[in-house]
Protein backbone atom coordinates (compact mmCIF):
# COMPACT_ATOMS: atom_id res chain seq x y z
CA MET A 1 120.79 26.86 -187.49
CA GLU A 2 119.90 25.19 -184.31
CA PRO A 3 116.42 25.66 -183.04
CA GLY A 4 115.68 27.72 -180.06
CA ILE A 5 118.58 29.92 -179.91
CA ASN A 6 118.67 33.74 -179.48
CA PHE A 7 118.16 35.15 -183.01
CA ALA A 8 119.66 38.73 -182.11
CA SER A 9 122.18 38.43 -185.13
CA LEU A 10 119.62 37.38 -187.50
CA HIS A 11 117.28 40.19 -186.53
CA ALA A 12 119.79 42.70 -186.98
CA ALA A 13 121.27 41.47 -190.05
CA ILE A 14 117.66 41.32 -191.65
CA ALA A 15 116.84 44.98 -190.08
CA ALA A 16 119.97 46.18 -192.03
CA ARG A 17 119.04 44.88 -195.42
CA ASP A 18 117.10 46.84 -197.91
CA PRO A 19 116.91 44.66 -201.27
CA LEU A 20 114.17 46.89 -202.68
CA ASN A 21 115.69 50.03 -202.07
CA ALA A 22 112.87 51.41 -200.42
CA THR A 23 113.69 53.09 -197.17
CA ALA A 24 113.19 56.61 -198.62
CA THR A 25 110.04 55.27 -200.08
CA VAL A 26 108.51 53.71 -197.06
CA ARG A 27 109.26 56.57 -194.77
CA ARG A 28 106.97 58.64 -196.96
CA LEU A 29 104.18 56.24 -196.19
CA PRO A 30 102.67 57.80 -192.78
CA MET A 31 102.02 61.09 -194.30
CA LEU A 32 100.42 59.68 -197.14
CA ASN A 33 98.30 57.41 -194.64
CA GLN A 34 97.41 60.54 -192.58
CA GLU A 35 95.90 62.25 -195.48
CA GLY A 36 94.04 59.37 -196.54
CA ASP A 37 95.84 59.35 -200.29
CA VAL A 38 95.13 55.80 -201.35
CA GLY A 39 96.50 56.59 -205.11
CA GLY A 40 99.34 58.10 -203.49
CA ILE A 41 100.07 54.76 -201.66
CA LEU A 42 99.46 52.91 -204.59
CA LEU A 43 102.25 54.72 -206.51
CA LEU A 44 104.66 54.43 -204.06
CA LEU A 45 104.08 50.80 -203.64
CA ARG A 46 104.22 49.97 -207.35
CA ASP A 47 107.75 51.90 -207.24
CA ILE A 48 109.70 49.41 -205.00
CA LEU A 49 107.79 46.10 -206.19
CA PRO A 50 110.46 43.69 -207.23
CA ARG A 51 109.87 41.39 -210.46
CA ARG A 52 109.43 37.60 -209.86
CA GLU A 53 112.38 36.47 -210.81
CA GLN A 54 114.28 39.01 -208.53
CA VAL A 55 112.45 37.15 -205.52
CA LYS A 56 113.38 33.84 -206.58
CA ALA A 57 116.79 34.65 -206.35
CA TYR A 58 116.57 36.32 -202.76
CA ASP A 59 118.19 34.58 -199.80
CA PHE A 60 116.29 34.69 -196.41
CA MET A 61 117.26 37.80 -195.24
CA ASP A 62 116.38 39.63 -198.59
CA ALA A 63 113.31 38.16 -198.51
CA ALA A 64 112.18 38.78 -195.16
CA ALA A 65 113.49 42.75 -195.48
CA ALA A 66 111.58 42.94 -198.75
CA MET A 67 108.30 41.57 -197.16
CA ARG A 68 109.03 44.13 -194.47
CA ASP A 69 108.57 46.92 -196.80
CA ILE A 70 106.04 45.58 -198.97
CA GLY A 71 103.91 44.94 -195.69
CA PHE A 72 103.56 48.19 -194.70
CA PHE A 73 101.80 49.10 -197.57
CA LEU A 74 99.54 46.16 -197.49
CA GLY A 75 98.17 46.92 -193.64
CA SER A 76 98.19 50.82 -195.04
CA LEU A 77 95.82 49.60 -197.81
CA LYS A 78 93.58 47.83 -195.89
CA ARG A 79 93.48 50.32 -193.38
CA HIS A 80 91.79 52.24 -196.10
CA GLY A 81 89.31 49.52 -196.91
CA HIS A 82 91.13 47.89 -199.67
CA GLU A 83 92.11 44.30 -200.31
CA PRO A 84 95.76 44.87 -201.24
CA VAL A 85 95.83 41.38 -203.44
CA GLU A 86 92.75 43.08 -205.43
CA ALA A 87 94.20 46.76 -205.66
CA VAL A 88 97.48 45.97 -207.00
CA PRO A 89 97.54 43.71 -209.96
CA GLY A 90 100.54 41.03 -210.09
CA LEU A 91 100.96 41.35 -205.91
CA GLU A 92 99.51 38.03 -204.97
CA PRO A 93 102.34 36.03 -206.66
CA LEU A 94 104.89 38.46 -205.33
CA LEU A 95 103.58 37.82 -201.68
CA LEU A 96 103.12 34.02 -202.01
CA ASP A 97 107.00 33.95 -203.53
CA LEU A 98 108.34 35.62 -200.69
CA ALA A 99 106.34 33.91 -198.13
CA GLN A 100 107.83 30.53 -199.91
CA ALA A 101 111.55 31.97 -199.53
CA THR A 102 111.15 32.78 -195.76
CA GLY A 103 108.89 30.31 -194.64
CA LEU A 104 106.07 32.76 -192.81
CA PRO A 105 102.89 33.99 -194.17
CA PRO A 106 102.79 36.24 -197.14
CA ARG A 107 102.10 39.18 -195.55
CA GLU A 108 104.20 41.37 -192.86
CA THR A 109 103.94 40.05 -189.30
CA LEU A 110 105.30 41.00 -185.60
CA LEU A 111 108.77 40.20 -186.86
CA HIS A 112 108.57 42.57 -189.98
CA VAL A 113 107.66 45.51 -188.07
CA THR A 114 109.69 45.39 -185.05
CA VAL A 115 112.74 43.54 -184.84
CA TRP A 116 113.66 43.22 -188.90
CA ASN A 117 112.81 47.12 -188.66
CA PRO A 118 115.67 49.42 -188.32
CA PRO A 119 115.03 51.50 -185.37
CA GLY A 120 116.10 55.31 -185.39
CA ASP A 121 115.01 58.72 -187.44
CA GLY A 122 115.22 58.34 -191.15
CA VAL A 123 115.25 54.53 -191.43
CA GLU A 124 112.27 53.05 -189.01
CA ARG A 125 109.33 52.21 -190.94
CA THR A 126 106.08 52.95 -189.20
CA TYR A 127 102.50 53.06 -190.64
CA THR A 128 101.37 56.38 -189.00
CA CYS A 129 103.06 59.57 -187.89
CA SER A 130 102.22 58.84 -184.14
CA PRO A 131 105.21 58.68 -181.35
CA ALA A 132 102.88 55.69 -180.03
CA GLU A 133 103.78 53.66 -182.67
CA VAL A 134 107.72 54.16 -182.27
CA HIS A 135 106.87 53.04 -178.68
CA LEU A 136 105.04 50.20 -179.32
CA LEU A 137 107.33 48.63 -181.78
CA GLU A 138 110.41 49.35 -179.11
CA SER A 139 108.19 47.45 -176.60
CA VAL A 140 108.74 44.37 -178.69
CA ARG A 141 112.30 45.07 -179.13
CA ILE A 142 113.20 45.46 -175.42
CA SER A 143 112.05 41.54 -174.58
CA MET A 144 112.20 39.48 -177.92
CA ALA A 145 115.91 38.72 -177.86
CA ALA A 146 115.50 38.07 -174.25
CA LEU A 147 112.66 35.76 -174.90
CA GLU A 148 114.01 33.63 -177.24
CA SER A 149 117.00 33.09 -174.75
CA ALA A 150 114.74 32.20 -172.12
CA ILE A 151 113.21 29.60 -174.54
CA HIS A 152 116.73 28.05 -175.36
CA ARG A 153 117.29 28.06 -172.09
CA MET A 154 113.96 26.16 -171.27
CA VAL A 155 114.98 23.83 -173.63
CA VAL A 156 118.15 23.27 -171.75
CA LEU A 157 116.25 23.04 -168.54
CA SER A 158 113.77 19.95 -169.72
CA GLU A 159 116.78 18.01 -169.67
CA ILE A 160 118.01 18.64 -166.43
CA SER A 161 116.94 17.04 -163.27
CA VAL A 162 115.52 19.23 -160.26
CA ARG A 163 117.83 17.13 -158.23
CA SER A 164 120.59 18.72 -159.68
CA SER A 165 122.52 21.92 -158.49
CA ALA A 166 122.39 23.20 -162.09
CA PHE A 167 118.59 23.04 -161.97
CA ALA A 168 118.02 26.28 -160.05
CA PRO A 169 120.42 28.53 -161.51
CA MET A 170 119.35 27.73 -164.91
CA CYS A 171 115.71 28.67 -163.67
CA ASP A 172 117.06 31.74 -162.12
CA ASP A 173 118.77 32.58 -165.81
CA ILE A 174 115.26 32.01 -167.32
CA GLY A 175 113.91 34.41 -165.33
CA ASN A 176 116.31 37.24 -165.94
CA ASN A 177 115.14 37.19 -169.25
CA LEU A 178 111.75 37.06 -168.55
CA GLN A 179 112.29 39.97 -166.48
CA LYS A 180 112.66 41.74 -170.00
CA MET A 181 109.01 40.86 -170.92
CA VAL A 182 107.77 42.61 -167.81
CA GLU A 183 109.87 45.32 -168.53
CA SER A 184 108.14 45.78 -172.11
CA ILE A 185 104.90 45.82 -170.81
CA VAL A 186 105.55 48.62 -168.18
CA TYR A 187 107.35 50.29 -171.00
CA ALA A 188 104.13 49.79 -173.16
CA TYR A 189 102.04 50.85 -170.29
CA ARG A 190 103.53 54.37 -169.89
CA ASN A 191 103.95 55.40 -173.17
CA ILE A 192 100.97 54.24 -175.25
CA SER A 193 97.46 55.22 -174.53
CA PRO A 194 94.76 52.45 -175.08
CA SER A 195 92.76 55.38 -176.92
CA VAL A 196 95.56 56.20 -179.37
CA PHE A 197 96.31 52.42 -179.99
CA ILE A 198 92.93 51.38 -180.81
CA HIS A 199 91.93 54.27 -182.82
CA GLU A 200 94.98 55.62 -184.88
CA LEU A 201 97.31 52.04 -184.60
CA ARG A 202 94.73 49.40 -184.26
CA PRO A 203 93.24 49.82 -187.70
CA PHE A 204 96.45 49.25 -189.88
CA TYR A 205 96.89 45.39 -188.43
CA ASP A 206 93.32 44.11 -189.78
CA PRO A 207 93.64 40.89 -191.65
CA ILE A 208 94.29 40.38 -195.44
CA ARG A 209 93.43 37.76 -197.80
CA VAL A 210 96.05 36.13 -200.05
CA GLY A 211 95.80 32.93 -201.99
CA GLY A 212 92.22 32.63 -200.91
CA GLN A 213 93.35 32.40 -197.48
CA GLU A 214 93.31 35.20 -194.50
CA TYR A 215 96.22 36.07 -192.63
CA LEU A 216 96.24 38.17 -189.68
CA GLY A 217 98.15 41.36 -188.86
CA PRO A 218 101.36 41.83 -186.62
CA GLY A 219 100.23 41.64 -183.08
CA ALA A 220 102.21 41.23 -179.88
CA VAL A 221 99.95 37.74 -179.32
CA GLU A 222 102.66 36.66 -182.09
CA MET A 223 105.70 36.53 -179.88
CA PRO A 224 106.65 32.97 -178.68
CA LEU A 225 105.87 33.20 -175.56
CA PHE A 226 103.12 30.33 -176.06
CA LEU A 227 106.32 28.14 -177.17
CA LEU A 228 107.85 28.95 -173.40
CA ASP A 229 104.69 27.72 -171.89
CA HIS A 230 104.28 24.76 -174.20
CA ILE A 231 107.60 23.40 -173.01
CA LEU A 232 106.88 24.13 -169.32
CA TRP A 233 103.29 23.20 -168.93
CA GLY A 234 101.23 23.20 -171.71
CA SER A 235 102.56 20.65 -174.42
CA ARG A 236 99.72 18.07 -173.25
CA SER A 237 97.30 20.16 -172.62
CA GLU A 238 93.90 19.26 -173.62
CA HIS A 239 92.09 22.80 -173.40
CA GLN A 240 90.73 23.40 -176.79
CA GLN A 241 90.79 27.32 -176.83
CA TYR A 242 94.34 27.16 -175.47
CA ILE A 243 95.46 24.31 -178.54
CA ASP A 244 93.63 26.57 -181.11
CA TYR A 245 95.66 29.59 -179.97
CA LYS A 246 98.87 28.01 -180.13
CA GLN A 247 97.88 26.42 -183.83
CA THR A 248 96.76 29.69 -185.01
CA TYR A 249 100.16 31.64 -184.21
CA LEU A 250 102.60 28.94 -184.93
CA PRO A 251 102.76 29.82 -189.00
CA TYR A 252 103.78 33.50 -187.49
CA ILE A 253 107.03 32.51 -185.61
CA LEU A 254 110.46 31.46 -187.34
CA PRO A 255 110.44 28.32 -188.85
CA GLN A 256 113.11 27.11 -186.68
CA LEU A 257 110.91 27.93 -183.60
CA ARG A 258 108.16 25.62 -185.43
CA ASP A 259 110.44 23.02 -185.06
CA LEU A 260 110.95 23.17 -181.58
CA TYR A 261 107.20 23.32 -180.88
CA ALA A 262 106.99 19.88 -182.84
CA ARG A 263 109.69 18.58 -180.99
CA PHE A 264 107.73 18.75 -177.52
CA ASP A 265 104.20 18.62 -178.82
CA GLY A 266 102.66 16.00 -176.71
CA GLN A 267 105.57 15.06 -174.84
CA ALA A 268 105.40 15.28 -170.87
CA PRO A 269 105.72 19.05 -170.20
CA LEU A 270 108.90 20.41 -167.70
CA LEU A 271 106.48 20.93 -165.05
CA ASP A 272 105.05 17.14 -164.91
CA ARG A 273 108.77 15.94 -164.80
CA VAL A 274 109.94 17.96 -161.93
CA LEU A 275 106.57 17.68 -159.76
CA GLU A 276 107.23 13.62 -160.06
CA GLU A 277 111.04 14.00 -159.27
CA ALA A 278 110.32 16.35 -156.61
CA ILE A 279 107.89 14.11 -154.88
CA ALA A 280 109.89 11.19 -154.58
CA ALA A 281 113.68 12.98 -153.65
CA GLU A 282 113.09 13.76 -150.32
CA ALA A 283 116.80 12.54 -149.84
CA GLU A 284 118.05 15.59 -151.69
CA ALA A 285 115.44 17.84 -150.05
CA ASP A 286 117.51 20.87 -150.09
CA VAL A 287 118.39 21.01 -153.44
CA VAL A 288 114.96 20.29 -154.55
CA ARG A 289 113.43 22.77 -152.65
CA ARG A 290 115.48 25.54 -154.17
CA GLY A 291 115.16 24.36 -157.45
CA VAL A 292 111.03 24.10 -157.16
CA ARG A 293 111.34 27.57 -155.76
CA SER A 294 113.14 28.79 -158.44
CA LEU A 295 110.66 27.19 -161.19
CA ASP A 296 107.96 28.80 -159.09
CA SER A 297 109.78 32.32 -159.71
CA ILE A 298 109.22 31.67 -163.71
CA PHE A 299 105.43 31.47 -163.32
CA ASP A 300 105.62 34.47 -160.96
CA LEU A 301 107.15 36.40 -163.73
CA LEU A 302 105.01 35.02 -166.39
CA ILE A 303 101.79 36.01 -163.96
CA ARG A 304 103.59 39.70 -164.16
CA PHE A 305 103.71 39.64 -167.62
CA ARG A 306 100.27 38.78 -168.62
CA ALA A 307 98.26 40.58 -165.77
CA PRO A 308 99.05 43.67 -166.58
CA HIS A 309 98.89 42.81 -170.13
CA LEU A 310 95.43 41.66 -169.83
CA ARG A 311 94.29 44.90 -168.01
CA ILE A 312 95.94 47.09 -171.09
CA ALA A 313 93.93 44.76 -173.64
CA GLU A 314 90.66 45.46 -171.68
CA GLN A 315 91.07 49.30 -171.67
CA ALA A 316 91.95 49.36 -174.83
CA TYR A 317 88.90 47.54 -176.40
CA ARG A 318 86.43 49.41 -173.93
CA ALA A 319 88.01 52.57 -175.40
CA GLY A 320 87.26 51.30 -178.99
CA GLU A 321 84.02 48.78 -178.71
CA ASP A 322 82.50 50.92 -181.24
CA VAL A 323 85.35 49.74 -184.15
CA HIS A 324 87.07 46.96 -182.81
CA VAL A 325 86.29 43.92 -180.36
CA VAL A 326 89.15 41.82 -180.93
CA GLY A 327 92.86 42.07 -181.39
CA SER A 328 94.72 41.85 -184.33
CA GLY A 329 95.49 38.28 -183.65
CA GLY A 330 91.56 37.98 -183.96
CA TYR A 331 90.86 37.13 -180.20
CA ALA A 332 89.31 39.41 -177.69
CA PRO A 333 91.01 40.24 -174.51
CA THR A 334 88.95 37.02 -172.91
CA LEU A 335 91.91 34.94 -174.68
CA LEU A 336 94.17 36.39 -172.10
CA SER A 337 92.30 36.21 -169.48
CA GLU A 338 91.89 32.29 -169.75
CA LEU A 339 95.63 32.42 -170.61
CA LEU A 340 96.61 33.99 -167.34
CA THR A 341 94.06 31.21 -165.56
CA LEU A 342 95.63 28.70 -167.44
CA THR A 343 99.39 29.80 -166.12
CA ARG A 344 97.83 30.29 -162.68
CA ASP A 345 96.25 26.92 -162.53
CA ALA A 346 100.03 25.20 -163.57
CA ARG A 347 101.67 27.43 -160.95
CA SER A 348 99.23 26.09 -158.24
CA ARG A 349 100.41 22.53 -158.88
CA LEU A 350 103.89 23.45 -157.36
CA ALA A 351 101.69 24.63 -154.50
CA ALA A 352 102.10 21.08 -152.59
CA VAL A 353 105.66 20.84 -152.83
CA LEU A 354 106.14 24.30 -151.75
CA ARG A 355 104.46 23.83 -148.71
CA ARG A 356 106.38 20.79 -147.67
CA SER A 357 109.62 23.04 -147.93
């Protein structure tokens, strides 16, 4: 499987898998969470746990689907104050086996609860009975495949000269995909109350410990948007908080995308190369100007996503400052503010070239 491709078909195939025959069982979980019935949660979980020899025979898709269904119990137990591997004997080695089979953390991630979670009545897995949770999951599904397509096209764009007539159309194609990110944040703003998120949903996304290590809960910050930034402007950034942020979330994205990250890490980002070419390309001014303007439009879309995302996060954590001061990804909204600033700073480097056009 080539890195950077649209993984929509893979996501759909995993969503359709049910190796634990657990659909009906997991669907009973929200009511038990609502009632705080930890004993009932434990009974259901033990009922679906596979044997280790079964796990060792799973392919990637079965392992991912199994972790999805077990994962909803992990977040639920932690929400009620229990470390899952302490509450369920024999669970820890199963989680580590599933992690080895997928190359992902030994718990549910954003992938497991959204694009690997089949939507629709009777099959969609949730932690709660809240309609807001269904909207939250859908807000990610709206944009994930489009973001993966944008990343793939950004890889292609990294090899196209801004002097080429193909550069601007590829930028426009990336922008069309990133528009889905903007639509997803608008959808979330319209359908998810900050207070409901922080008080009813956020408690299920706390970190858990497996194998002596802490693993973060599902969160939108696990989307691979940082990979697109990395290729576009961030692969040589020396901003330590930004570097820490990327390294924190690398384990939570697909292994194929991690390979792509490594391919560009430390290399000159696309923005640097475009600026060098644009300054030296007076003879091809028209095509270069169009290319630079199209690249600027990508930055515009990134900012149109990040600015409202920051506002939503700030509203949510103001509503719940008595219970949560950081997101499920372990960062306060100030990280989102810093990302917005870094994106704007990168965009500002195009300003001198744009003024010449």
